[in-house]
Amino acid sequence: MDPIDELNENLVEFFDRMSSWEQSVIQQGKLNVAGAHAIEKLGQFGSMSMKDLSKALGVTTGTTTITVDRLEKGGYAVRERADNDRRSYIIRLTEKGNDAYLDHHRHHLSFAKEIAALLTDEEIECFTAVLEKINKEI
């Protein structure tokens, strides 16, 4: 088999399994995938502007606005006017949002440990380096 075809097949299978795993984790709570991703970014990086959150998520500000609206309704996040620009909002997690972040992050760490258990220390280092290289470019 052509190496690119083999890479493609493995990437698609990995993505499908990862998506299925994440969907099952999220279904245990009251969030959708977009909300869980936004909470993950806010929990990891702290409060940020709508523009910065959109950039971190890789989606439009319109999409982020809808997600933040839902997070606000659910009590997971709040919007506050930015001190330096009254036209801009800063999004921050509430206590409920932070609890959701910690729970979701715990599931991510568990998944990483499952993967690490299949690999040697050298393979973990190599896999991490490859992921860092890919994430830097896409």
N, C-alpha and C. Protein backbone atom coordinates (compact mmCIF):
# COMPACT_ATOMS: atom_id res chain seq x y z
N MET A 1 0.85 -1.19 0.00
CA MET A 1 0.00 0.00 0.00
C MET A 1 0.89 1.24 0.00
N ASP A 2 0.44 2.24 -0.72
CA ASP A 2 1.13 3.53 -0.78
C ASP A 2 1.21 4.13 0.63
N PRO A 3 2.38 4.67 1.02
CA PRO A 3 2.52 5.23 2.38
C PRO A 3 1.51 6.34 2.72
N ILE A 4 1.17 7.17 1.73
CA ILE A 4 0.19 8.24 1.97
C ILE A 4 -1.20 7.65 2.20
N ASP A 5 -1.55 6.62 1.42
CA ASP A 5 -2.84 5.95 1.62
C ASP A 5 -2.90 5.30 3.01
N GLU A 6 -1.80 4.68 3.40
CA GLU A 6 -1.74 4.04 4.71
C GLU A 6 -1.85 5.08 5.84
N LEU A 7 -1.13 6.19 5.67
CA LEU A 7 -1.22 7.27 6.65
C LEU A 7 -2.65 7.78 6.73
N ASN A 8 -3.27 8.01 5.58
CA ASN A 8 -4.65 8.50 5.54
C ASN A 8 -5.60 7.55 6.26
N GLU A 9 -5.51 6.27 5.97
CA GLU A 9 -6.39 5.29 6.61
C GLU A 9 -6.22 5.31 8.13
N ASN A 10 -4.99 5.37 8.58
CA ASN A 10 -4.74 5.39 10.02
C ASN A 10 -5.20 6.69 10.66
N LEU A 11 -5.01 7.82 9.99
CA LEU A 11 -5.48 9.10 10.52
C LEU A 11 -7.01 9.11 10.63
N VAL A 12 -7.68 8.64 9.60
CA VAL A 12 -9.15 8.62 9.61
C VAL A 12 -9.65 7.72 10.73
N GLU A 13 -9.06 6.54 10.86
CA GLU A 13 -9.48 5.62 11.92
C GLU A 13 -9.23 6.22 13.30
N PHE A 14 -8.06 6.83 13.50
CA PHE A 14 -7.74 7.44 14.79
C PHE A 14 -8.70 8.58 15.09
N PHE A 15 -8.96 9.45 14.10
CA PHE A 15 -9.88 10.56 14.29
C PHE A 15 -11.27 10.06 14.63
N ASP A 16 -11.75 9.04 13.93
CA ASP A 16 -13.08 8.49 14.20
C ASP A 16 -13.16 7.95 15.63
N ARG A 17 -12.14 7.22 16.04
CA ARG A 17 -12.14 6.66 17.40
C ARG A 17 -12.05 7.77 18.45
N MET A 18 -11.22 8.77 18.20
CA MET A 18 -11.06 9.88 19.13
C MET A 18 -12.38 10.66 19.23
N SER A 19 -13.00 10.92 18.10
CA SER A 19 -14.28 11.64 18.09
C SER A 19 -15.36 10.86 18.83
N SER A 20 -15.41 9.56 18.59
CA SER A 20 -16.39 8.71 19.26
C SER A 20 -16.16 8.70 20.76
N TRP A 21 -14.89 8.60 21.16
CA TRP A 21 -14.55 8.62 22.59
C TRP A 21 -14.97 9.95 23.21
N GLU A 22 -14.62 11.06 22.55
CA GLU A 22 -14.94 12.36 23.10
C GLU A 22 -16.46 12.57 23.18
N GLN A 23 -17.17 12.13 22.16
CA GLN A 23 -18.63 12.26 22.15
C GLN A 23 -19.23 11.49 23.33
N SER A 24 -18.71 10.31 23.61
CA SER A 24 -19.24 9.52 24.73
C SER A 24 -18.94 10.19 26.07
N VAL A 25 -17.79 10.81 26.20
CA VAL A 25 -17.44 11.54 27.43
C VAL A 25 -18.36 12.75 27.60
N ILE A 26 -18.57 13.49 26.52
CA ILE A 26 -19.38 14.70 26.59
C ILE A 26 -20.84 14.37 26.86
N GLN A 27 -21.33 13.26 26.30
CA GLN A 27 -22.73 12.89 26.51
C GLN A 27 -23.04 12.59 27.97
N GLN A 28 -22.03 12.32 28.76
CA GLN A 28 -22.23 12.08 30.19
C GLN A 28 -22.63 13.37 30.90
N GLY A 29 -22.30 14.51 30.33
CA GLY A 29 -22.63 15.80 30.92
C GLY A 29 -23.71 16.49 30.12
N LYS A 30 -23.80 17.81 30.28
CA LYS A 30 -24.85 18.58 29.61
C LYS A 30 -24.30 19.50 28.54
N LEU A 31 -23.07 19.29 28.13
CA LEU A 31 -22.43 20.14 27.13
C LEU A 31 -22.47 19.49 25.76
N ASN A 32 -22.33 20.32 24.71
CA ASN A 32 -22.09 19.77 23.39
C ASN A 32 -20.58 19.84 23.13
N VAL A 33 -20.15 19.32 22.00
CA VAL A 33 -18.72 19.26 21.70
C VAL A 33 -18.11 20.65 21.64
N ALA A 34 -18.79 21.60 20.98
CA ALA A 34 -18.26 22.96 20.86
C ALA A 34 -18.10 23.60 22.24
N GLY A 35 -19.08 23.40 23.11
CA GLY A 35 -19.01 23.95 24.46
C GLY A 35 -17.88 23.34 25.26
N ALA A 36 -17.71 22.03 25.14
CA ALA A 36 -16.63 21.36 25.86
C ALA A 36 -15.27 21.85 25.37
N HIS A 37 -15.13 22.07 24.07
CA HIS A 37 -13.87 22.58 23.54
C HIS A 37 -13.58 23.99 24.03
N ALA A 38 -14.61 24.83 24.07
CA ALA A 38 -14.44 26.20 24.56
C ALA A 38 -14.05 26.18 26.04
N ILE A 39 -14.70 25.34 26.82
CA ILE A 39 -14.36 25.22 28.24
C ILE A 39 -12.93 24.73 28.41
N GLU A 40 -12.52 23.79 27.56
CA GLU A 40 -11.15 23.28 27.62
C GLU A 40 -10.14 24.41 27.39
N LYS A 41 -10.39 25.25 26.39
CA LYS A 41 -9.46 26.37 26.10
C LYS A 41 -9.46 27.39 27.23
N LEU A 42 -10.64 27.75 27.72
CA LEU A 42 -10.73 28.74 28.80
C LEU A 42 -10.11 28.20 30.10
N GLY A 43 -10.29 26.92 30.34
CA GLY A 43 -9.69 26.31 31.53
C GLY A 43 -8.18 26.23 31.41
N GLN A 44 -7.69 25.96 30.21
CA GLN A 44 -6.25 25.83 29.98
C GLN A 44 -5.55 27.18 29.98
N PHE A 45 -6.15 28.19 29.32
CA PHE A 45 -5.47 29.47 29.12
C PHE A 45 -6.03 30.61 29.97
N GLY A 46 -7.16 30.40 30.64
CA GLY A 46 -7.76 31.45 31.44
C GLY A 46 -8.66 32.34 30.59
N SER A 47 -9.18 33.38 31.21
CA SER A 47 -10.10 34.30 30.54
C SER A 47 -9.46 34.84 29.27
N MET A 48 -10.31 35.03 28.25
CA MET A 48 -9.80 35.58 26.99
C MET A 48 -10.91 36.29 26.24
N SER A 49 -10.50 37.10 25.31
CA SER A 49 -11.48 37.82 24.50
C SER A 49 -12.17 36.84 23.56
N MET A 50 -13.31 37.26 23.05
CA MET A 50 -14.06 36.45 22.09
C MET A 50 -13.18 36.17 20.87
N LYS A 51 -12.45 37.18 20.41
CA LYS A 51 -11.57 37.02 19.25
C LYS A 51 -10.48 35.98 19.52
N ASP A 52 -9.85 36.06 20.70
CA ASP A 52 -8.79 35.11 21.04
C ASP A 52 -9.34 33.69 21.23
N LEU A 53 -10.54 33.59 21.81
CA LEU A 53 -11.15 32.26 21.97
C LEU A 53 -11.48 31.67 20.60
N SER A 54 -11.99 32.49 19.70
CA SER A 54 -12.27 32.03 18.34
C SER A 54 -11.01 31.50 17.67
N LYS A 55 -9.94 32.26 17.81
CA LYS A 55 -8.66 31.86 17.21
C LYS A 55 -8.16 30.55 17.82
N ALA A 56 -8.26 30.42 19.15
CA ALA A 56 -7.80 29.20 19.83
C ALA A 56 -8.62 27.98 19.41
N LEU A 57 -9.90 28.21 19.13
CA LEU A 57 -10.78 27.11 18.71
C LEU A 57 -10.70 26.83 17.21
N GLY A 58 -10.18 27.80 16.46
CA GLY A 58 -10.09 27.64 15.01
C GLY A 58 -11.44 27.78 14.32
N VAL A 59 -12.32 28.63 14.89
CA VAL A 59 -13.64 28.85 14.30
C VAL A 59 -13.90 30.36 14.20
N THR A 60 -14.99 30.72 13.56
CA THR A 60 -15.32 32.14 13.40
C THR A 60 -15.83 32.72 14.72
N THR A 61 -15.81 34.05 14.81
CA THR A 61 -16.34 34.69 16.01
C THR A 61 -17.85 34.47 16.10
N GLY A 62 -18.53 34.35 14.97
CA GLY A 62 -19.96 34.07 14.99
C GLY A 62 -20.26 32.72 15.63
N THR A 63 -19.49 31.71 15.26
CA THR A 63 -19.64 30.38 15.86
C THR A 63 -19.33 30.44 17.35
N THR A 64 -18.29 31.17 17.70
CA THR A 64 -17.91 31.29 19.11
C THR A 64 -18.98 32.02 19.90
N THR A 65 -19.61 33.02 19.31
CA THR A 65 -20.68 33.75 19.98
C THR A 65 -21.82 32.79 20.35
N ILE A 66 -22.21 31.94 19.43
CA ILE A 66 -23.28 30.96 19.69
C ILE A 66 -22.86 30.02 20.83
N THR A 67 -21.62 29.55 20.80
CA THR A 67 -21.12 28.66 21.83
C THR A 67 -21.13 29.35 23.19
N VAL A 68 -20.63 30.58 23.24
CA VAL A 68 -20.57 31.32 24.50
C VAL A 68 -21.98 31.62 25.00
N ASP A 69 -22.91 31.93 24.10
CA ASP A 69 -24.31 32.13 24.50
C ASP A 69 -24.82 30.89 25.26
N ARG A 70 -24.55 29.72 24.72
CA ARG A 70 -25.00 28.47 25.35
C ARG A 70 -24.29 28.23 26.69
N LEU A 71 -22.99 28.54 26.73
CA LEU A 71 -22.25 28.37 27.99
C LEU A 71 -22.79 29.31 29.06
N GLU A 72 -23.13 30.54 28.66
CA GLU A 72 -23.71 31.50 29.61
C GLU A 72 -25.06 31.00 30.12
N LYS A 73 -25.91 30.55 29.21
CA LYS A 73 -27.22 30.03 29.59
C LYS A 73 -27.10 28.87 30.57
N GLY A 74 -26.11 28.04 30.37
CA GLY A 74 -25.90 26.87 31.22
C GLY A 74 -25.18 27.20 32.52
N GLY A 75 -24.72 28.43 32.66
CA GLY A 75 -24.02 28.83 33.88
C GLY A 75 -22.55 28.44 33.92
N TYR A 76 -21.98 28.13 32.75
CA TYR A 76 -20.58 27.69 32.67
C TYR A 76 -19.60 28.85 32.47
N ALA A 77 -20.07 29.93 31.89
CA ALA A 77 -19.19 31.06 31.58
C ALA A 77 -19.96 32.37 31.69
N VAL A 78 -19.20 33.45 31.80
CA VAL A 78 -19.79 34.79 31.79
C VAL A 78 -18.97 35.68 30.86
N ARG A 79 -19.66 36.68 30.30
CA ARG A 79 -19.01 37.70 29.48
C ARG A 79 -18.88 38.95 30.32
N GLU A 80 -17.72 39.54 30.26
CA GLU A 80 -17.50 40.81 30.96
C GLU A 80 -16.88 41.78 29.98
N ARG A 81 -17.25 43.03 30.08
CA ARG A 81 -16.66 44.05 29.19
C ARG A 81 -15.17 44.14 29.46
N ALA A 82 -14.41 44.24 28.39
CA ALA A 82 -12.95 44.41 28.51
C ALA A 82 -12.68 45.81 29.06
N ASP A 83 -11.74 45.92 29.98
CA ASP A 83 -11.39 47.22 30.58
C ASP A 83 -10.80 48.17 29.54
N ASN A 84 -9.99 47.65 28.65
CA ASN A 84 -9.27 48.51 27.70
C ASN A 84 -10.05 48.80 26.42
N ASP A 85 -11.17 48.07 26.19
CA ASP A 85 -11.95 48.27 24.97
C ASP A 85 -13.41 47.91 25.27
N ARG A 86 -14.24 48.90 25.49
CA ARG A 86 -15.62 48.67 25.89
C ARG A 86 -16.45 47.97 24.81
N ARG A 87 -15.93 47.87 23.59
CA ARG A 87 -16.64 47.14 22.53
C ARG A 87 -16.39 45.66 22.60
N SER A 88 -15.39 45.26 23.37
CA SER A 88 -14.94 43.88 23.43
C SER A 88 -15.37 43.22 24.73
N TYR A 89 -15.53 41.91 24.67
CA TYR A 89 -15.89 41.13 25.86
C TYR A 89 -14.78 40.15 26.21
N ILE A 90 -14.63 39.92 27.51
CA ILE A 90 -13.74 38.88 28.01
C ILE A 90 -14.62 37.75 28.51
N ILE A 91 -14.29 36.54 28.12
CA ILE A 91 -15.05 35.37 28.53
C ILE A 91 -14.27 34.66 29.64
N ARG A 92 -14.96 34.35 30.73
CA ARG A 92 -14.31 33.61 31.80
C ARG A 92 -15.23 32.51 32.29
N LEU A 93 -14.64 31.47 32.82
CA LEU A 93 -15.41 30.36 33.37
C LEU A 93 -15.96 30.73 34.74
N THR A 94 -17.15 30.24 35.03
CA THR A 94 -17.72 30.34 36.37
C THR A 94 -17.19 29.15 37.18
N GLU A 95 -17.58 29.05 38.41
CA GLU A 95 -17.18 27.89 39.22
C GLU A 95 -17.69 26.60 38.57
N LYS A 96 -18.93 26.63 38.09
CA LYS A 96 -19.49 25.47 37.41
C LYS A 96 -18.68 25.14 36.15
N GLY A 97 -18.28 26.17 35.42
CA GLY A 97 -17.46 25.97 34.22
C GLY A 97 -16.10 25.40 34.56
N ASN A 98 -15.51 25.90 35.63
CA ASN A 98 -14.20 25.38 36.04
C ASN A 98 -14.31 23.92 36.48
N ASP A 99 -15.39 23.58 37.18
CA ASP A 99 -15.61 22.17 37.55
C ASP A 99 -15.74 21.29 36.32
N ALA A 100 -16.47 21.79 35.30
CA ALA A 100 -16.63 21.04 34.05
C ALA A 100 -15.28 20.88 33.35
N TYR A 101 -14.46 21.94 33.39
CA TYR A 101 -13.12 21.86 32.80
C TYR A 101 -12.30 20.79 33.49
N LEU A 102 -12.27 20.80 34.80
CA LEU A 102 -11.47 19.83 35.55
C LEU A 102 -11.93 18.41 35.27
N ASP A 103 -13.23 18.20 35.19
CA ASP A 103 -13.77 16.87 34.89
C ASP A 103 -13.37 16.44 33.48
N HIS A 104 -13.57 17.32 32.51
CA HIS A 104 -13.24 16.99 31.12
C HIS A 104 -11.74 16.76 30.96
N HIS A 105 -10.94 17.59 31.61
CA HIS A 105 -9.49 17.45 31.53
C HIS A 105 -9.04 16.12 32.14
N ARG A 106 -9.70 15.71 33.20
CA ARG A 106 -9.39 14.41 33.83
C ARG A 106 -9.62 13.28 32.83
N HIS A 107 -10.69 13.37 32.04
CA HIS A 107 -10.96 12.36 31.01
C HIS A 107 -9.87 12.38 29.94
N HIS A 108 -9.43 13.57 29.55
CA HIS A 108 -8.35 13.68 28.55
C HIS A 108 -7.07 13.05 29.07
N LEU A 109 -6.72 13.32 30.33
CA LEU A 109 -5.51 12.72 30.90
C LEU A 109 -5.62 11.21 30.96
N SER A 110 -6.79 10.71 31.27
CA SER A 110 -7.01 9.26 31.31
C SER A 110 -6.80 8.65 29.93
N PHE A 111 -7.30 9.35 28.90
CA PHE A 111 -7.13 8.88 27.53
C PHE A 111 -5.65 8.88 27.14
N ALA A 112 -4.93 9.94 27.52
CA ALA A 112 -3.49 10.02 27.23
C ALA A 112 -2.75 8.88 27.92
N LYS A 113 -3.15 8.56 29.14
CA LYS A 113 -2.51 7.45 29.87
C LYS A 113 -2.78 6.12 29.19
N GLU A 114 -3.99 5.94 28.66
CA GLU A 114 -4.32 4.72 27.92
C GLU A 114 -3.41 4.57 26.70
N ILE A 115 -3.21 5.66 25.98
CA ILE A 115 -2.34 5.62 24.81
C ILE A 115 -0.90 5.36 25.23
N ALA A 116 -0.45 6.06 26.26
CA ALA A 116 0.93 5.91 26.74
C ALA A 116 1.20 4.48 27.20
N ALA A 117 0.21 3.81 27.74
CA ALA A 117 0.39 2.44 28.21
C ALA A 117 0.68 1.46 27.07
N LEU A 118 0.31 1.86 25.85
CA LEU A 118 0.55 1.02 24.68
C LEU A 118 1.93 1.23 24.07
N LEU A 119 2.61 2.30 24.51
CA LEU A 119 3.87 2.71 23.88
C LEU A 119 5.04 2.61 24.84
N THR A 120 6.22 2.48 24.26
CA THR A 120 7.43 2.56 25.08
C THR A 120 7.71 4.04 25.36
N ASP A 121 8.63 4.31 26.29
CA ASP A 121 9.01 5.69 26.58
C ASP A 121 9.53 6.40 25.33
N GLU A 122 10.31 5.68 24.55
CA GLU A 122 10.85 6.25 23.31
C GLU A 122 9.74 6.56 22.32
N GLU A 123 8.75 5.67 22.20
CA GLU A 123 7.64 5.90 21.29
C GLU A 123 6.78 7.09 21.75
N ILE A 124 6.62 7.23 23.07
CA ILE A 124 5.87 8.38 23.61
C ILE A 124 6.57 9.68 23.22
N GLU A 125 7.89 9.73 23.39
CA GLU A 125 8.65 10.93 23.02
C GLU A 125 8.52 11.22 21.53
N CYS A 126 8.63 10.19 20.72
CA CYS A 126 8.54 10.34 19.26
C CYS A 126 7.13 10.80 18.86
N PHE A 127 6.12 10.13 19.41
CA PHE A 127 4.73 10.47 19.10
C PHE A 127 4.42 11.91 19.50
N THR A 128 4.88 12.31 20.68
CA THR A 128 4.68 13.68 21.16
C THR A 128 5.36 14.68 20.22
N ALA A 129 6.58 14.37 19.81
CA ALA A 129 7.31 15.27 18.91
C ALA A 129 6.59 15.40 17.56
N VAL A 130 6.08 14.30 17.05
CA VAL A 130 5.35 14.34 15.78
C VAL A 130 4.08 15.17 15.93
N LEU A 131 3.33 14.96 17.02
CA LEU A 131 2.11 15.73 17.23
C LEU A 131 2.42 17.22 17.37
N GLU A 132 3.48 17.57 18.10
CA GLU A 132 3.87 18.97 18.24
C GLU A 132 4.20 19.58 16.88
N LYS A 133 4.90 18.85 16.06
CA LYS A 133 5.27 19.34 14.73
C LYS A 133 4.03 19.56 13.87
N ILE A 134 3.11 18.61 13.89
CA ILE A 134 1.89 18.73 13.12
C ILE A 134 1.04 19.89 13.64
N ASN A 135 0.87 19.98 14.96
CA ASN A 135 0.04 21.03 15.54
C ASN A 135 0.59 22.42 15.28
N LYS A 136 1.88 22.52 15.16
CA LYS A 136 2.51 23.82 14.88
C LYS A 136 2.20 24.30 13.46
N GLU A 137 1.98 23.36 12.55
CA GLU A 137 1.82 23.70 11.14
C GLU A 137 0.37 23.73 10.66
N ILE A 138 -0.53 23.07 11.38
CA ILE A 138 -1.93 23.08 10.88
C ILE A 138 -2.86 23.77 11.86
